[in-house]
Amino acid sequence: MALDRATVARVARLARIRIGAHELDRLAGELDNILTWIEQLNEVDVDGVEPMTSVVAFELPERADQVTEGGCAEDIVANAPETAGSYFVVPKVVE
């Protein structure tokens, strides 16, 4: 896939990257190499291969679900400089 200067300039504009006119030819070559490599990856047969999230197979540790008392809002706001009931009072930042 050959990229021309106009395509590279358009991609740069869409990506909001300022590119000088003298850099367009060099970047066109680099992007063309990247797209060629991606086309090579599309030729790889991946039928029956499960997607991976990690190269190491492991299970995340899980904790047991336990019902707790909760209701400790007073303890949470005890050190706050200003409270209203069980809520923190903060200055208004949006008008």
N, C-alpha and C. Protein backbone atom coordinates (compact mmCIF):
# COMPACT_ATOMS: atom_id res chain seq x y z
N MET A 1 0.85 -1.17 0.00
CA MET A 1 0.00 0.00 0.00
C MET A 1 0.90 1.23 0.00
N ALA A 2 0.79 2.03 -1.01
CA ALA A 2 1.62 3.22 -1.12
C ALA A 2 0.83 4.43 -0.62
N LEU A 3 1.45 5.16 0.29
CA LEU A 3 0.83 6.37 0.81
C LEU A 3 1.46 7.58 0.14
N ASP A 4 0.63 8.52 -0.25
CA ASP A 4 1.17 9.73 -0.85
C ASP A 4 1.22 10.85 0.20
N ARG A 5 1.79 11.97 -0.19
CA ARG A 5 1.96 13.10 0.73
C ARG A 5 0.62 13.62 1.24
N ALA A 6 -0.38 13.63 0.37
CA ALA A 6 -1.69 14.16 0.77
C ALA A 6 -2.33 13.28 1.84
N THR A 7 -2.18 11.96 1.72
CA THR A 7 -2.75 11.05 2.71
C THR A 7 -2.05 11.22 4.05
N VAL A 8 -0.73 11.33 4.03
CA VAL A 8 0.03 11.51 5.28
C VAL A 8 -0.35 12.85 5.92
N ALA A 9 -0.50 13.89 5.12
CA ALA A 9 -0.89 15.19 5.66
C ALA A 9 -2.28 15.13 6.28
N ARG A 10 -3.18 14.39 5.66
CA ARG A 10 -4.55 14.26 6.18
C ARG A 10 -4.56 13.47 7.49
N VAL A 11 -3.78 12.39 7.54
CA VAL A 11 -3.69 11.61 8.78
C VAL A 11 -3.10 12.46 9.90
N ALA A 12 -2.09 13.23 9.59
CA ALA A 12 -1.47 14.10 10.60
C ALA A 12 -2.48 15.14 11.07
N ARG A 13 -3.27 15.69 10.16
CA ARG A 13 -4.26 16.69 10.55
C ARG A 13 -5.33 16.06 11.44
N LEU A 14 -5.79 14.85 11.08
CA LEU A 14 -6.80 14.17 11.89
C LEU A 14 -6.26 13.81 13.27
N ALA A 15 -4.97 13.50 13.35
CA ALA A 15 -4.35 13.16 14.62
C ALA A 15 -3.90 14.40 15.38
N ARG A 16 -4.11 15.56 14.77
CA ARG A 16 -3.71 16.84 15.34
C ARG A 16 -2.22 16.88 15.63
N ILE A 17 -1.43 16.41 14.66
CA ILE A 17 0.02 16.43 14.74
C ILE A 17 0.53 17.39 13.69
N ARG A 18 1.34 18.35 14.11
CA ARG A 18 1.90 19.31 13.17
C ARG A 18 3.12 18.68 12.49
N ILE A 19 3.03 18.52 11.18
CA ILE A 19 4.09 17.91 10.38
C ILE A 19 4.53 18.93 9.34
N GLY A 20 5.83 19.13 9.25
CA GLY A 20 6.36 20.02 8.23
C GLY A 20 6.32 19.35 6.86
N ALA A 21 6.28 20.17 5.80
CA ALA A 21 6.21 19.63 4.44
C ALA A 21 7.43 18.79 4.12
N HIS A 22 8.58 19.12 4.71
CA HIS A 22 9.81 18.36 4.44
C HIS A 22 9.80 16.97 5.07
N GLU A 23 8.89 16.73 6.04
CA GLU A 23 8.83 15.43 6.71
C GLU A 23 7.83 14.47 6.08
N LEU A 24 7.00 14.94 5.19
CA LEU A 24 5.91 14.12 4.65
C LEU A 24 6.42 12.89 3.90
N ASP A 25 7.47 13.04 3.09
CA ASP A 25 7.98 11.90 2.34
C ASP A 25 8.55 10.82 3.26
N ARG A 26 9.31 11.25 4.27
CA ARG A 26 9.90 10.29 5.21
C ARG A 26 8.80 9.55 5.97
N LEU A 27 7.80 10.28 6.46
CA LEU A 27 6.71 9.66 7.20
C LEU A 27 5.86 8.76 6.31
N ALA A 28 5.71 9.12 5.04
CA ALA A 28 4.96 8.26 4.12
C ALA A 28 5.65 6.91 3.99
N GLY A 29 6.97 6.91 3.91
CA GLY A 29 7.71 5.66 3.83
C GLY A 29 7.58 4.83 5.10
N GLU A 30 7.67 5.49 6.25
CA GLU A 30 7.56 4.77 7.52
C GLU A 30 6.16 4.18 7.70
N LEU A 31 5.14 4.96 7.39
CA LEU A 31 3.77 4.45 7.51
C LEU A 31 3.51 3.32 6.52
N ASP A 32 4.09 3.43 5.33
CA ASP A 32 3.94 2.37 4.34
C ASP A 32 4.57 1.07 4.85
N ASN A 33 5.74 1.16 5.51
CA ASN A 33 6.39 -0.03 6.08
C ASN A 33 5.53 -0.64 7.18
N ILE A 34 4.92 0.20 8.00
CA ILE A 34 4.06 -0.30 9.07
C ILE A 34 2.85 -1.02 8.50
N LEU A 35 2.21 -0.43 7.50
CA LEU A 35 1.03 -1.06 6.90
C LEU A 35 1.39 -2.34 6.17
N THR A 36 2.57 -2.41 5.58
CA THR A 36 3.03 -3.65 4.94
C THR A 36 3.19 -4.75 5.99
N TRP A 37 3.75 -4.40 7.13
CA TRP A 37 3.94 -5.37 8.22
C TRP A 37 2.58 -5.86 8.72
N ILE A 38 1.61 -4.96 8.83
CA ILE A 38 0.27 -5.36 9.28
C ILE A 38 -0.37 -6.30 8.26
N GLU A 39 -0.16 -6.04 6.97
CA GLU A 39 -0.69 -6.94 5.94
C GLU A 39 -0.07 -8.33 6.06
N GLN A 40 1.20 -8.39 6.44
CA GLN A 40 1.85 -9.70 6.64
C GLN A 40 1.21 -10.42 7.83
N LEU A 41 0.87 -9.68 8.88
CA LEU A 41 0.23 -10.30 10.04
C LEU A 41 -1.14 -10.87 9.68
N ASN A 42 -1.84 -10.25 8.75
CA ASN A 42 -3.16 -10.74 8.34
C ASN A 42 -3.07 -12.08 7.64
N GLU A 43 -1.90 -12.46 7.14
CA GLU A 43 -1.73 -13.74 6.46
C GLU A 43 -1.56 -14.91 7.42
N VAL A 44 -1.32 -14.65 8.70
CA VAL A 44 -1.09 -15.70 9.69
C VAL A 44 -2.41 -16.40 9.99
N ASP A 45 -2.38 -17.74 9.99
CA ASP A 45 -3.58 -18.54 10.28
C ASP A 45 -3.76 -18.61 11.80
N VAL A 46 -4.82 -18.02 12.31
CA VAL A 46 -5.09 -18.01 13.75
C VAL A 46 -6.37 -18.75 14.10
N ASP A 47 -6.83 -19.61 13.21
CA ASP A 47 -8.03 -20.39 13.51
C ASP A 47 -7.76 -21.32 14.68
N GLY A 48 -8.66 -21.33 15.64
CA GLY A 48 -8.53 -22.20 16.81
C GLY A 48 -7.60 -21.66 17.88
N VAL A 49 -7.08 -20.46 17.72
CA VAL A 49 -6.20 -19.87 18.73
C VAL A 49 -7.03 -18.90 19.57
N GLU A 50 -7.04 -19.14 20.87
CA GLU A 50 -7.82 -18.28 21.75
C GLU A 50 -7.07 -16.97 22.00
N PRO A 51 -7.78 -15.86 22.11
CA PRO A 51 -7.14 -14.59 22.42
C PRO A 51 -6.48 -14.65 23.79
N MET A 52 -5.35 -13.97 23.93
CA MET A 52 -4.61 -13.97 25.19
C MET A 52 -4.74 -12.61 25.87
N THR A 53 -4.79 -12.63 27.18
CA THR A 53 -4.71 -11.39 27.94
C THR A 53 -3.38 -11.28 28.64
N SER A 54 -2.64 -12.39 28.70
CA SER A 54 -1.33 -12.41 29.34
C SER A 54 -0.55 -13.59 28.77
N VAL A 55 0.76 -13.50 28.85
CA VAL A 55 1.58 -14.62 28.38
C VAL A 55 1.72 -15.69 29.45
N VAL A 56 1.32 -15.36 30.67
CA VAL A 56 1.38 -16.31 31.78
C VAL A 56 -0.05 -16.66 32.17
N ALA A 57 -0.33 -17.96 32.20
CA ALA A 57 -1.67 -18.40 32.60
C ALA A 57 -1.78 -18.35 34.12
N PHE A 58 -2.68 -17.54 34.61
CA PHE A 58 -2.90 -17.47 36.05
C PHE A 58 -4.33 -17.04 36.32
N GLU A 59 -4.78 -17.33 37.53
CA GLU A 59 -6.11 -16.91 37.94
C GLU A 59 -5.97 -15.82 38.98
N LEU A 60 -6.83 -14.85 38.91
CA LEU A 60 -6.80 -13.78 39.88
C LEU A 60 -7.30 -14.29 41.22
N PRO A 61 -6.65 -13.86 42.29
CA PRO A 61 -7.14 -14.31 43.60
C PRO A 61 -8.50 -13.68 43.89
N GLU A 62 -9.36 -14.45 44.51
CA GLU A 62 -10.68 -13.97 44.84
C GLU A 62 -10.86 -14.03 46.35
N ARG A 63 -11.57 -13.05 46.87
CA ARG A 63 -11.88 -13.08 48.29
C ARG A 63 -13.32 -13.54 48.45
N ALA A 64 -13.60 -14.10 49.57
CA ALA A 64 -14.96 -14.58 49.83
C ALA A 64 -15.87 -13.39 50.07
N ASP A 65 -17.08 -13.48 49.55
CA ASP A 65 -18.07 -12.44 49.81
C ASP A 65 -18.55 -12.59 51.25
N GLN A 66 -18.44 -11.51 52.00
CA GLN A 66 -18.87 -11.54 53.38
C GLN A 66 -19.77 -10.34 53.64
N VAL A 67 -20.84 -10.59 54.35
CA VAL A 67 -21.75 -9.52 54.74
C VAL A 67 -21.14 -8.83 55.95
N THR A 68 -21.02 -7.49 55.86
CA THR A 68 -20.46 -6.73 56.98
C THR A 68 -21.52 -5.79 57.51
N GLU A 69 -21.23 -5.24 58.65
CA GLU A 69 -22.17 -4.31 59.27
C GLU A 69 -22.29 -3.02 58.47
N GLY A 70 -21.17 -2.52 57.95
CA GLY A 70 -21.22 -1.25 57.25
C GLY A 70 -21.64 -0.16 58.21
N GLY A 71 -22.24 0.89 57.71
CA GLY A 71 -22.77 1.94 58.58
C GLY A 71 -21.72 2.61 59.43
N CYS A 72 -20.52 2.78 58.92
CA CYS A 72 -19.47 3.43 59.71
C CYS A 72 -19.14 4.81 59.13
N ALA A 73 -20.15 5.51 58.62
CA ALA A 73 -19.94 6.82 58.02
C ALA A 73 -19.36 7.80 59.03
N GLU A 74 -19.79 7.72 60.28
CA GLU A 74 -19.27 8.63 61.30
C GLU A 74 -17.77 8.44 61.49
N ASP A 75 -17.31 7.21 61.45
CA ASP A 75 -15.87 6.95 61.59
C ASP A 75 -15.10 7.51 60.39
N ILE A 76 -15.72 7.44 59.22
CA ILE A 76 -15.04 7.90 58.00
C ILE A 76 -14.88 9.42 58.01
N VAL A 77 -15.90 10.14 58.40
CA VAL A 77 -15.84 11.61 58.36
C VAL A 77 -15.35 12.21 59.68
N ALA A 78 -14.92 11.40 60.61
CA ALA A 78 -14.51 11.90 61.93
C ALA A 78 -13.37 12.91 61.84
N ASN A 79 -12.44 12.75 60.93
CA ASN A 79 -11.28 13.65 60.83
C ASN A 79 -11.46 14.74 59.79
N ALA A 80 -12.63 14.84 59.18
CA ALA A 80 -12.86 15.86 58.16
C ALA A 80 -12.97 17.23 58.82
N PRO A 81 -12.45 18.28 58.17
CA PRO A 81 -12.53 19.61 58.77
C PRO A 81 -13.96 20.11 58.93
N GLU A 82 -14.84 19.74 57.96
CA GLU A 82 -16.23 20.18 58.04
C GLU A 82 -17.13 19.09 57.46
N THR A 83 -18.21 18.79 58.16
CA THR A 83 -19.14 17.77 57.69
C THR A 83 -20.56 18.28 57.82
N ALA A 84 -21.43 17.64 57.09
CA ALA A 84 -22.87 17.87 57.20
C ALA A 84 -23.51 16.51 57.30
N GLY A 85 -23.83 16.11 58.50
CA GLY A 85 -24.34 14.76 58.71
C GLY A 85 -23.20 13.77 58.48
N SER A 86 -23.38 12.86 57.55
CA SER A 86 -22.31 11.89 57.25
C SER A 86 -21.65 12.20 55.91
N TYR A 87 -21.67 13.48 55.49
CA TYR A 87 -21.09 13.90 54.22
C TYR A 87 -19.94 14.88 54.45
N PHE A 88 -18.96 14.87 53.54
CA PHE A 88 -17.90 15.86 53.57
C PHE A 88 -18.42 17.17 53.00
N VAL A 89 -18.05 18.29 53.58
CA VAL A 89 -18.41 19.60 53.05
C VAL A 89 -17.17 20.15 52.34
N VAL A 90 -17.34 20.48 51.06
CA VAL A 90 -16.23 21.01 50.26
C VAL A 90 -16.68 22.31 49.60
N PRO A 91 -15.73 23.18 49.24
CA PRO A 91 -16.12 24.42 48.59
C PRO A 91 -16.71 24.18 47.20
N LYS A 92 -17.64 25.05 46.84
CA LYS A 92 -18.28 24.94 45.53
C LYS A 92 -17.25 25.35 44.46
N VAL A 93 -17.10 24.51 43.42
CA VAL A 93 -16.12 24.81 42.37
C VAL A 93 -16.78 25.08 41.03
N VAL A 94 -18.06 24.80 40.90
CA VAL A 94 -18.77 25.03 39.65
C VAL A 94 -19.92 25.99 39.92
N GLU A 95 -20.04 26.99 39.09
CA GLU A 95 -21.13 27.94 39.28
C GLU A 95 -22.15 27.81 38.20
